[in-house]
């Protein structure tokens, strides 16, 4: 489950005031979760998004052949992986 931060924690991490966070919430610029008691909590992912530190995944491809004589097969594997949008490819012979 994602960590939820209090307004106080969020404003310290973002360098803004409580009022700014409340205004962002009203304008829909930040996702705010309300507890059953009505308190506002900010998901950690929102803090990262606003700071430009979103968790980004990188796709890595892997191509392997058993021997040097199969190097042509390795090249075909690499081309297939690249055709699927993967740029970072590890190879092994």
C-alpha atoms as a PDB file:
ATOM      1  CA  UNK A   1       0.000   0.000   0.000  1.00  0.00           C
ATOM      2  CA  UNK A   2       1.240   3.463  -0.872  1.00  0.00           C
ATOM      3  CA  UNK A   3       2.464   5.725   1.899  1.00  0.00           C
ATOM      4  CA  UNK A   4       0.167   8.668   2.645  1.00  0.00           C
ATOM      5  CA  UNK A   5       1.675  11.893   3.974  1.00  0.00           C
ATOM      6  CA  UNK A   6       0.090  14.549   6.134  1.00  0.00           C
ATOM      7  CA  UNK A   7      -0.305  18.068   4.780  1.00  0.00           C
ATOM      8  CA  UNK A   8       2.547  19.160   7.049  1.00  0.00           C
ATOM      9  CA  UNK A   9       4.899  16.487   5.686  1.00  0.00           C
ATOM     10  CA  UNK A  10       3.869  17.244   2.097  1.00  0.00           C
ATOM     11  CA  UNK A  11       4.369  21.000   2.392  1.00  0.00           C
ATOM     12  CA  UNK A  12       7.868  20.512   3.840  1.00  0.00           C
ATOM     13  CA  UNK A  13       8.841  18.166   1.004  1.00  0.00           C
ATOM     14  CA  UNK A  14       7.371  20.446  -1.671  1.00  0.00           C
ATOM     15  CA  UNK A  15       8.473  23.751  -0.146  1.00  0.00           C
ATOM     16  CA  UNK A  16       4.980  25.267  -0.265  1.00  0.00           C
ATOM     17  CA  UNK A  17       2.380  26.395   2.246  1.00  0.00           C
ATOM     18  CA  UNK A  18      -0.671  24.546   3.526  1.00  0.00           C
ATOM     19  CA  UNK A  19      -2.837  27.048   1.665  1.00  0.00           C
ATOM     20  CA  UNK A  20      -1.056  26.239  -1.614  1.00  0.00           C
ATOM     21  CA  UNK A  21      -1.748  22.513  -1.214  1.00  0.00           C
ATOM     22  CA  UNK A  22      -5.400  23.248  -0.422  1.00  0.00           C
ATOM     23  CA  UNK A  23      -5.670  25.443  -3.535  1.00  0.00           C
ATOM     24  CA  UNK A  24      -4.053  22.750  -5.678  1.00  0.00           C
ATOM     25  CA  UNK A  25      -6.597  20.288  -4.296  1.00  0.00           C
ATOM     26  CA  UNK A  26      -9.524  22.599  -5.162  1.00  0.00           C
ATOM     27  CA  UNK A  27      -8.180  23.057  -8.704  1.00  0.00           C
ATOM     28  CA  UNK A  28      -7.528  19.338  -9.166  1.00  0.00           C
ATOM     29  CA  UNK A  29      -3.779  19.816  -9.561  1.00  0.00           C
ATOM     30  CA  UNK A  30      -2.926  17.340  -6.804  1.00  0.00           C
ATOM     31  CA  UNK A  31      -4.561  14.088  -5.754  1.00  0.00           C
ATOM     32  CA  UNK A  32      -5.651  14.199  -2.133  1.00  0.00           C
ATOM     33  CA  UNK A  33      -7.014  11.235  -0.181  1.00  0.00           C
ATOM     34  CA  UNK A  34      -9.490  11.899   2.606  1.00  0.00           C
ATOM     35  CA  UNK A  35      -9.457   9.685   5.689  1.00  0.00           C
ATOM     36  CA  UNK A  36     -12.734   8.479   7.234  1.00  0.00           C
ATOM     37  CA  UNK A  37     -12.295  11.305   9.764  1.00  0.00           C
ATOM     38  CA  UNK A  38     -12.078  13.887   6.961  1.00  0.00           C
ATOM     39  CA  UNK A  39      -8.329  14.525   7.171  1.00  0.00           C
ATOM     40  CA  UNK A  40      -6.376  15.159   3.997  1.00  0.00           C
ATOM     41  CA  UNK A  41      -3.485  12.901   3.061  1.00  0.00           C
ATOM     42  CA  UNK A  42      -1.199  13.204   0.055  1.00  0.00           C
ATOM     43  CA  UNK A  43       0.020   9.984  -1.644  1.00  0.00           C
ATOM     44  CA  UNK A  44       3.797   9.745  -1.856  1.00  0.00           C
ATOM     45  CA  UNK A  45       3.530   9.277  -5.640  1.00  0.00           C
ATOM     46  CA  UNK A  46       1.990  12.777  -5.897  1.00  0.00           C
ATOM     47  CA  UNK A  47       4.966  14.297  -4.092  1.00  0.00           C
ATOM     48  CA  UNK A  48       7.343  12.502  -6.468  1.00  0.00           C
ATOM     49  CA  UNK A  49       5.288  13.600  -9.493  1.00  0.00           C
ATOM     50  CA  UNK A  50       5.279  17.242  -8.436  1.00  0.00           C
ATOM     51  CA  UNK A  51       9.014  17.148  -7.743  1.00  0.00           C
ATOM     52  CA  UNK A  52       9.669  15.542 -11.127  1.00  0.00           C
ATOM     53  CA  UNK A  53      10.918  12.328  -9.547  1.00  0.00           C
ATOM     54  CA  UNK A  54       8.275   9.889 -10.741  1.00  0.00           C
ATOM     55  CA  UNK A  55       9.152   6.247 -10.657  1.00  0.00           C
ATOM     56  CA  UNK A  56       9.925   5.421 -14.236  1.00  0.00           C
ATOM     57  CA  UNK A  57      10.416   1.891 -15.404  1.00  0.00           C
ATOM     58  CA  UNK A  58      12.970   1.010 -17.995  1.00  0.00           C
ATOM     59  CA  UNK A  59      12.507  -2.008 -20.220  1.00  0.00           C
ATOM     60  CA  UNK A  60      15.604  -4.083 -20.789  1.00  0.00           C
ATOM     61  CA  UNK A  61      15.912  -6.788 -23.439  1.00  0.00           C
ATOM     62  CA  UNK A  62      18.083  -9.894 -23.263  1.00  0.00           C
ATOM     63  CA  UNK A  63      19.346 -11.903 -26.232  1.00  0.00           C
ATOM     64  CA  UNK A  64      21.545 -14.988 -25.921  1.00  0.00           C
ATOM     65  CA  UNK A  65      23.050 -17.728 -28.052  1.00  0.00           C
ATOM     66  CA  UNK A  66      25.166 -20.711 -27.054  1.00  0.00           C
ATOM     67  CA  UNK A  67      28.143 -20.304 -29.377  1.00  0.00           C
ATOM     68  CA  UNK A  68      30.021 -17.948 -31.711  1.00  0.00           C
ATOM     69  CA  UNK A  69      28.701 -19.893 -34.707  1.00  0.00           C
ATOM     70  CA  UNK A  70      25.181 -18.679 -33.822  1.00  0.00           C
ATOM     71  CA  UNK A  71      26.087 -14.996 -34.000  1.00  0.00           C
ATOM     72  CA  UNK A  72      23.637 -14.495 -36.902  1.00  0.00           C
ATOM     73  CA  UNK A  73      20.864 -15.831 -34.647  1.00  0.00           C
ATOM     74  CA  UNK A  74      21.886 -13.325 -31.998  1.00  0.00           C
ATOM     75  CA  UNK A  75      21.592 -10.461 -34.492  1.00  0.00           C
ATOM     76  CA  UNK A  76      18.075 -11.634 -35.451  1.00  0.00           C
ATOM     77  CA  UNK A  77      17.080 -11.726 -31.779  1.00  0.00           C
ATOM     78  CA  UNK A  78      18.387  -8.203 -31.290  1.00  0.00           C
ATOM     79  CA  UNK A  79      16.435  -6.921 -34.303  1.00  0.00           C
ATOM     80  CA  UNK A  80      13.249  -8.595 -33.046  1.00  0.00           C
ATOM     81  CA  UNK A  81      13.644  -7.044 -29.605  1.00  0.00           C
ATOM     82  CA  UNK A  82      14.328  -3.596 -31.120  1.00  0.00           C
ATOM     83  CA  UNK A  83      11.223  -3.927 -33.333  1.00  0.00           C
ATOM     84  CA  UNK A  84       9.175  -4.180 -30.137  1.00  0.00           C
ATOM     85  CA  UNK A  85      10.410  -0.835 -28.867  1.00  0.00           C
ATOM     86  CA  UNK A  86      13.217  -1.946 -26.560  1.00  0.00           C
ATOM     87  CA  UNK A  87      16.433   0.013 -26.946  1.00  0.00           C
ATOM     88  CA  UNK A  88      18.524  -1.299 -24.062  1.00  0.00           C
ATOM     89  CA  UNK A  89      19.544  -4.878 -24.837  1.00  0.00           C
ATOM     90  CA  UNK A  90      21.960  -7.139 -23.008  1.00  0.00           C
ATOM     91  CA  UNK A  91      23.589  -9.802 -25.161  1.00  0.00           C
ATOM     92  CA  UNK A  92      25.438 -12.966 -24.279  1.00  0.00           C
ATOM     93  CA  UNK A  93      27.282 -15.617 -26.274  1.00  0.00           C
END
